[in-house]
Amino acid sequence: MRTLFTTGAVAVAMLATGGAPSAVADQAGSTQLRVTVGSPQARASAVTAGAAAAATCTINKITINRYSECEWVAVHVDVIKIVDGDPVVEGTADFSVKHQMTLKANTANWSEKFTISKARTTGQGKGVAVDVAAVSGGGTKATVDFPQGHTLDSAASGSVHYKTGAIARKKINPKAKTTYTYTFTKAGYSPGTVSYASAVYRCDNYYGTTGCAIPEVPTGINLSTLPRISEGIRKLRSHGGHYGDPNGGKPLHWMINATQQKKNRQAVCSGSAPADMQRAGRTSCDEYPFASTYEGGTNLPAAQRTITWVKKSENDGQGAFITNWRRQFHVMDHDPFYVIA
């Protein structure tokens, strides 16, 4: 007769699509570690155009905004004994883990808090202990502070501390995520483990300000104070142009490639201002979507783009708006965003 301690149906929130069971791994000879992982999509909060509050929690979801995520994971543990080759459940433990991570716009070092609830147990599910580990990437190291070996019979809290090496100016670190691994133990039973991941984050020093953000969350740039530019965008939207529209449109995506930006601009802004615009002093061509987006130039149908003739001072002002917005929200290549007009 062999005994096995194993995790059973484990519902966790990850960014992958689908909910296929994880691979079955051998444990203790003919016995097996069986783990089922559910994979609901991350759910982003509203467009971030100002300071973002902490993301709120929903069970078995990752809720995210530009700088914060809340991940709430339900875990079910089966304590199993193998009798005549068949698994017999001797007890269970059900608990949840709630993570609250807040990144920083002005540093690549941050901390995360997590809480493990008191488990609801049956039979041999009482007395199950847990160790917690966390691994990051993208130049960031994660260190766990937790009372390792804690039994699930009571609640416990811990933290993960993140430290990133120095990032050179203009440098963008690779995207990364945290992989949390739980190892469960109980005297007389083989250990069991399960892992799940956080949302994806990314650190950079592209504009001389080191910080980190969750890149898949769209941010928003507010151009409503630029009268002619915002007027042109609103006119396009009134005729059905929806790219970059925060009210149900598709997001734009930032592009860093300076050579392609120039090509995009020349494709739509190569001529001179009409005579009436010249008389009004509006001789600077403003293109929308921006040339510095993957939707810029002639990449979209004519009905989804426009040009507006504006004064040079207004166009220069827009450039300053965009630079400050990108620095504040760490907007990098391919990042989605909306334009408030």
Protein backbone atom coordinates (compact mmCIF):
# COMPACT_ATOMS: atom_id res chain seq x y z
CA MET A 1 0.00 0.00 0.00
CA ARG A 2 1.44 3.38 -1.01
CA THR A 3 0.36 6.81 0.05
CA LEU A 4 0.32 10.00 -1.95
CA PHE A 5 -0.38 13.62 -1.08
CA THR A 6 -1.58 15.38 -4.19
CA THR A 7 -3.26 18.57 -5.30
CA GLY A 8 -6.56 17.99 -6.99
CA ALA A 9 -8.75 20.39 -8.98
CA VAL A 10 -6.85 23.63 -8.60
CA ALA A 11 -8.60 26.72 -9.98
CA VAL A 12 -6.06 29.44 -10.63
CA ALA A 13 -6.00 32.67 -12.60
CA MET A 14 -3.43 32.79 -15.40
CA LEU A 15 -3.07 34.82 -18.60
CA ALA A 16 -3.15 31.84 -20.96
CA THR A 17 -6.34 31.09 -22.85
CA GLY A 18 -8.28 27.93 -22.15
CA GLY A 19 -8.45 25.58 -19.19
CA ALA A 20 -6.69 22.40 -20.18
CA PRO A 21 -5.35 20.21 -17.38
CA SER A 22 -1.62 20.40 -16.77
CA ALA A 23 0.61 17.45 -17.57
CA VAL A 24 0.53 14.46 -15.23
CA ALA A 25 3.87 13.89 -13.51
CA ASP A 26 5.05 10.67 -11.85
CA GLN A 27 5.37 10.73 -8.07
CA ALA A 28 6.36 7.91 -5.72
CA GLY A 29 6.68 5.20 -8.38
CA SER A 30 3.25 4.13 -9.67
CA THR A 31 1.44 6.97 -7.95
CA GLN A 32 0.89 10.30 -9.67
CA LEU A 33 0.69 14.01 -9.00
CA ARG A 34 -2.51 15.24 -10.66
CA VAL A 35 -3.10 18.98 -11.03
CA THR A 36 -5.88 20.71 -12.96
CA VAL A 37 -5.36 24.37 -13.73
CA GLY A 38 -8.13 26.67 -14.93
CA SER A 39 -7.02 29.62 -17.09
CA PRO A 40 -9.46 32.54 -17.20
CA GLN A 41 -8.36 35.64 -19.11
CA ALA A 42 -7.02 38.65 -17.28
CA ARG A 43 -9.59 41.44 -17.08
CA ALA A 44 -8.38 44.99 -17.54
CA SER A 45 -9.97 47.93 -15.79
CA ALA A 46 -10.97 51.17 -17.52
CA VAL A 47 -8.52 53.15 -19.65
CA THR A 48 -5.84 54.71 -17.46
CA ALA A 49 -5.52 58.43 -18.14
CA GLY A 50 -4.52 59.59 -14.66
CA ALA A 51 -3.25 58.13 -11.41
CA ALA A 52 -4.55 54.55 -11.17
CA ALA A 53 -6.09 53.14 -8.00
CA ALA A 54 -5.25 49.62 -6.88
CA ALA A 55 -6.97 46.92 -8.91
CA THR A 56 -9.88 45.23 -7.13
CA CYS A 57 -10.17 41.48 -6.61
CA THR A 58 -12.52 38.92 -8.17
CA ILE A 59 -12.23 35.22 -7.37
CA ASN A 60 -10.30 33.27 -10.00
CA LYS A 61 -9.51 36.39 -12.03
CA ILE A 62 -6.53 38.63 -12.56
CA THR A 63 -7.83 42.20 -12.50
CA ILE A 64 -5.31 44.73 -13.79
CA ASN A 65 -4.74 48.38 -14.53
CA ARG A 66 -1.58 50.06 -15.80
CA TYR A 67 0.27 49.81 -12.49
CA SER A 68 -1.63 47.32 -10.36
CA GLU A 69 -2.97 43.79 -10.36
CA CYS A 70 -5.13 41.83 -7.98
CA GLU A 71 -5.09 38.06 -8.35
CA TRP A 72 -7.37 35.89 -6.26
CA VAL A 73 -6.79 32.16 -6.58
CA ALA A 74 -8.91 29.31 -5.23
CA VAL A 75 -7.03 26.08 -4.46
CA HIS A 76 -8.42 22.61 -3.72
CA VAL A 77 -6.15 19.93 -2.23
CA ASP A 78 -6.97 16.22 -2.09
CA VAL A 79 -5.06 14.00 0.37
CA ILE A 80 -5.00 10.61 -1.32
CA LYS A 81 -4.04 7.08 -0.30
CA ILE A 82 -3.48 4.44 -2.96
CA VAL A 83 -5.43 1.30 -1.97
CA ASP A 84 -5.02 -1.77 -4.21
CA GLY A 85 -3.83 0.54 -7.00
CA ASP A 86 -6.79 2.92 -6.72
CA PRO A 87 -6.72 6.45 -5.27
CA VAL A 88 -8.89 6.99 -2.21
CA VAL A 89 -9.47 10.54 -0.97
CA GLU A 90 -8.82 10.63 2.77
CA GLY A 91 -9.37 14.34 3.18
CA THR A 92 -9.49 17.72 1.48
CA ALA A 93 -8.36 21.30 2.08
CA ASP A 94 -9.86 24.31 0.30
CA PHE A 95 -8.33 27.76 0.60
CA SER A 96 -7.63 30.86 -1.45
CA VAL A 97 -4.67 33.14 -2.06
CA LYS A 98 -5.15 36.85 -2.70
CA HIS A 99 -2.29 38.85 -4.27
CA GLN A 100 -2.07 42.65 -4.50
CA MET A 101 0.80 43.93 -6.64
CA THR A 102 1.44 47.61 -7.32
CA LEU A 103 4.24 48.60 -9.68
CA LYS A 104 6.03 51.94 -9.53
CA ALA A 105 6.30 54.58 -12.28
CA ASN A 106 9.58 55.91 -10.90
CA THR A 107 11.46 52.82 -9.71
CA ALA A 108 11.96 49.23 -10.83
CA ASN A 109 11.88 47.91 -7.25
CA TRP A 110 8.55 47.14 -5.61
CA SER A 111 6.77 44.77 -3.22
CA GLU A 112 3.67 42.60 -3.40
CA LYS A 113 1.43 41.42 -0.56
CA PHE A 114 -0.41 38.10 -0.51
CA THR A 115 -2.72 36.40 1.97
CA ILE A 116 -3.50 32.70 2.31
CA SER A 117 -6.91 32.10 3.88
CA LYS A 118 -7.68 29.55 6.56
CA ALA A 119 -8.51 26.29 4.81
CA ARG A 120 -11.82 24.46 5.03
CA THR A 121 -10.74 20.89 5.72
CA THR A 122 -12.17 17.39 5.86
CA GLY A 123 -10.51 14.27 7.24
CA GLN A 124 -6.76 14.15 6.64
CA GLY A 125 -6.88 17.60 5.02
CA LYS A 126 -6.15 19.00 8.46
CA GLY A 127 -2.49 19.71 9.15
CA VAL A 128 -1.37 20.20 5.54
CA ALA A 129 1.62 22.56 5.41
CA VAL A 130 2.68 24.87 2.57
CA ASP A 131 5.87 26.52 1.31
CA VAL A 132 5.68 29.41 -1.17
CA ALA A 133 8.24 30.34 -3.83
CA ALA A 134 8.22 33.05 -6.51
CA VAL A 135 10.40 33.52 -9.58
CA SER A 136 10.47 36.59 -11.83
CA GLY A 137 12.33 37.43 -15.06
CA GLY A 138 13.21 40.32 -17.34
CA GLY A 139 16.10 41.42 -15.13
CA THR A 140 13.97 41.40 -11.97
CA LYS A 141 14.59 39.08 -8.99
CA ALA A 142 11.76 38.04 -6.67
CA THR A 143 12.31 37.18 -3.00
CA VAL A 144 9.54 35.69 -0.83
CA ASP A 145 8.97 36.61 2.80
CA PHE A 146 6.58 33.99 4.24
CA PRO A 147 6.46 31.65 7.29
CA GLN A 148 7.44 28.56 5.27
CA GLY A 149 5.91 25.32 6.53
CA HIS A 150 2.76 27.16 7.62
CA THR A 151 -0.20 24.82 8.09
CA LEU A 152 -3.39 25.65 6.21
CA ASP A 153 -5.40 25.33 9.44
CA SER A 154 -5.00 29.09 9.93
CA ALA A 155 -4.57 32.15 7.72
CA ALA A 156 -1.15 33.61 6.92
CA SER A 157 0.27 36.57 5.06
CA GLY A 158 3.45 37.09 3.12
CA SER A 159 5.12 39.37 0.64
CA VAL A 160 7.23 39.21 -2.49
CA HIS A 161 9.99 41.79 -2.87
CA TYR A 162 11.14 42.68 -6.39
CA LYS A 163 14.55 44.11 -7.17
CA THR A 164 15.69 45.04 -10.68
CA GLY A 165 19.25 45.69 -11.77
CA ALA A 166 20.22 49.11 -13.12
CA ILE A 167 18.60 49.84 -16.50
CA ALA A 168 20.60 51.95 -18.96
CA ARG A 169 19.05 55.00 -20.64
CA LYS A 170 16.92 54.04 -23.68
CA LYS A 171 16.86 50.44 -22.45
CA ILE A 172 13.62 48.42 -22.27
CA ASN A 173 13.81 45.20 -20.25
CA PRO A 174 12.06 42.08 -21.58
CA LYS A 175 8.49 41.48 -20.48
CA ALA A 176 8.23 39.23 -17.44
CA LYS A 177 5.80 37.71 -14.99
CA THR A 178 5.96 36.08 -11.60
CA THR A 179 5.55 32.33 -11.32
CA TYR A 180 4.32 31.31 -7.88
CA THR A 181 4.96 27.72 -6.78
CA TYR A 182 3.30 26.10 -3.76
CA THR A 183 4.70 22.92 -2.22
CA PHE A 184 2.34 21.05 0.11
CA THR A 185 3.56 18.55 2.72
CA LYS A 186 2.05 16.29 5.36
CA ALA A 187 3.75 13.60 7.40
CA GLY A 188 3.32 10.18 5.81
CA TYR A 189 2.38 11.56 2.38
CA SER A 190 4.40 12.46 -0.70
CA PRO A 191 4.59 16.23 -1.38
CA GLY A 192 2.48 17.92 -4.04
CA THR A 193 3.10 21.15 -5.94
CA VAL A 194 1.18 23.58 -8.09
CA SER A 195 2.18 26.78 -9.91
CA TYR A 196 0.44 29.75 -11.51
CA ALA A 197 1.53 33.11 -12.89
CA SER A 198 0.89 36.81 -12.42
CA ALA A 199 0.03 39.32 -15.11
CA VAL A 200 2.87 40.33 -17.45
CA TYR A 201 4.87 43.41 -16.46
CA ARG A 202 7.81 45.28 -18.00
CA CYS A 203 10.45 47.70 -16.71
CA ASP A 204 12.31 50.35 -18.71
CA ASN A 205 14.42 53.50 -18.62
CA TYR A 206 13.53 54.67 -22.12
CA TYR A 207 12.98 58.33 -21.22
CA GLY A 208 15.44 58.61 -18.34
CA THR A 209 12.84 57.60 -15.74
CA THR A 210 13.17 54.01 -14.53
CA GLY A 211 9.84 52.35 -13.79
CA CYS A 212 7.55 49.42 -14.56
CA ALA A 213 4.03 48.97 -15.93
CA ILE A 214 1.58 46.29 -17.10
CA PRO A 215 1.89 46.80 -20.87
CA GLU A 216 -1.30 45.11 -22.06
CA VAL A 217 -3.49 47.65 -20.23
CA PRO A 218 -4.38 50.56 -22.54
CA THR A 219 -3.63 54.02 -21.28
CA GLY A 220 -5.15 57.22 -22.65
CA ILE A 221 -3.67 60.51 -23.83
CA ASN A 222 -5.87 63.57 -23.43
CA LEU A 223 -5.62 66.01 -26.38
CA SER A 224 -8.85 67.87 -25.68
CA THR A 225 -6.98 71.08 -24.84
CA LEU A 226 -5.49 71.25 -28.36
CA PRO A 227 -8.44 72.87 -30.19
CA ARG A 228 -7.79 72.15 -33.88
CA ILE A 229 -6.19 68.76 -33.37
CA SER A 230 -9.00 67.49 -31.14
CA GLU A 231 -11.57 69.01 -33.52
CA GLY A 232 -10.10 67.01 -36.42
CA ILE A 233 -10.19 63.78 -34.41
CA ARG A 234 -13.80 64.36 -33.33
CA LYS A 235 -14.81 65.09 -36.92
CA LEU A 236 -13.26 61.81 -38.08
CA ARG A 237 -15.08 59.93 -35.33
CA SER A 238 -18.39 61.57 -36.23
CA HIS A 239 -18.02 59.94 -39.66
CA GLY A 240 -17.23 56.49 -38.27
CA GLY A 241 -13.51 56.62 -37.57
CA HIS A 242 -13.12 54.55 -34.42
CA TYR A 243 -9.42 53.75 -33.96
CA GLY A 244 -8.20 55.22 -30.69
CA ASP A 245 -11.73 56.12 -29.58
CA PRO A 246 -12.09 55.20 -25.88
CA ASN A 247 -15.86 54.94 -26.37
CA GLY A 248 -15.93 51.51 -27.98
CA GLY A 249 -13.21 51.89 -30.61
CA LYS A 250 -10.14 49.78 -31.23
CA PRO A 251 -6.94 50.95 -29.54
CA LEU A 252 -3.96 52.39 -31.35
CA HIS A 253 -0.53 50.82 -30.81
CA TRP A 254 2.62 52.84 -30.28
CA MET A 255 5.57 52.33 -32.64
CA ILE A 256 9.17 53.28 -31.80
CA ASN A 257 10.70 52.73 -35.27
CA ALA A 258 11.75 56.28 -36.30
CA THR A 259 12.33 55.33 -39.94
CA GLN A 260 8.83 53.93 -40.33
CA GLN A 261 7.38 56.92 -38.46
CA LYS A 262 8.91 59.21 -41.10
CA LYS A 263 7.52 57.06 -43.92
CA ASN A 264 4.06 57.09 -42.33
CA ARG A 265 4.11 60.88 -42.03
CA GLN A 266 5.29 61.43 -45.60
CA ALA A 267 2.58 59.08 -46.90
CA VAL A 268 -0.20 61.38 -45.66
CA CYS A 269 1.43 64.78 -45.01
CA SER A 270 3.65 65.35 -48.06
CA GLY A 271 1.83 68.34 -49.58
CA SER A 272 1.44 72.01 -48.72
CA ALA A 273 -1.43 73.53 -46.82
CA PRO A 274 -4.40 74.76 -48.90
CA ALA A 275 -4.55 78.50 -49.50
CA ASP A 276 -7.28 79.14 -46.93
CA MET A 277 -5.29 77.27 -44.27
CA GLN A 278 -2.17 79.27 -45.13
CA ARG A 279 -4.08 82.52 -44.72
CA ALA A 280 -5.20 81.32 -41.28
CA GLY A 281 -1.64 80.46 -40.31
CA ARG A 282 -2.47 76.76 -40.16
CA THR A 283 0.44 75.40 -42.20
CA SER A 284 1.44 72.37 -40.09
CA CYS A 285 -0.01 68.99 -41.07
CA ASP A 286 -1.28 66.86 -38.20
CA GLU A 287 -2.03 63.24 -39.07
CA TYR A 288 -4.37 60.88 -37.23
CA PRO A 289 -3.75 58.12 -36.37
CA PHE A 290 -0.30 59.35 -35.38
CA ALA A 291 2.59 58.47 -37.67
CA SER A 292 4.22 56.94 -34.60
CA THR A 293 1.62 54.17 -34.38
CA TYR A 294 1.25 50.86 -36.20
CA GLU A 295 -2.04 52.23 -37.55
CA GLY A 296 -0.36 55.39 -38.90
CA GLY A 297 0.34 56.44 -42.49
CA THR A 298 -1.85 54.54 -44.94
CA ASN A 299 -2.06 51.37 -42.86
CA LEU A 300 -5.78 51.98 -42.26
CA PRO A 301 -8.50 52.59 -44.88
CA ALA A 302 -9.04 56.24 -45.81
CA ALA A 303 -12.30 56.34 -43.83
CA GLN A 304 -10.35 55.56 -40.65
CA ARG A 305 -7.74 58.33 -40.92
CA THR A 306 -7.52 62.07 -41.43
CA ILE A 307 -5.18 65.05 -41.58
CA THR A 308 -5.81 68.44 -39.99
CA TRP A 309 -3.97 71.68 -40.78
CA VAL A 310 -3.00 73.41 -37.56
CA LYS A 311 -0.63 76.10 -36.37
CA LYS A 312 2.93 74.91 -35.81
CA SER A 313 2.75 75.88 -32.13
CA GLU A 314 -0.22 73.54 -31.59
CA ASN A 315 1.54 70.66 -33.35
CA ASP A 316 4.67 71.24 -31.26
CA GLY A 317 2.50 71.31 -28.15
CA GLN A 318 1.08 67.92 -29.08
CA GLY A 319 4.59 66.52 -29.31
CA ALA A 320 5.31 67.65 -25.75
CA PHE A 321 1.98 66.14 -24.57
CA ILE A 322 2.89 62.81 -26.12
CA THR A 323 6.42 62.73 -24.70
CA ASN A 324 5.21 63.49 -21.17
CA TRP A 325 2.40 60.93 -21.45
CA ARG A 326 4.75 58.20 -22.66
CA ARG A 327 7.20 58.92 -19.85
CA GLN A 328 4.46 58.91 -17.21
CA PHE A 329 2.87 55.64 -18.31
CA HIS A 330 5.95 53.90 -19.75
CA VAL A 331 4.34 53.45 -23.17
CA MET A 332 6.61 51.37 -25.39
CA ASP A 333 6.53 49.60 -28.74
CA HIS A 334 3.20 47.84 -29.50
CA ASP A 335 1.55 49.14 -26.30
CA PRO A 336 -2.19 49.85 -26.78
CA PHE A 337 -3.66 53.26 -26.03
CA TYR A 338 -6.63 55.54 -26.68
CA VAL A 339 -6.91 59.23 -27.52
CA ILE A 340 -9.27 61.46 -25.58
CA ALA A 341 -10.46 64.32 -27.75
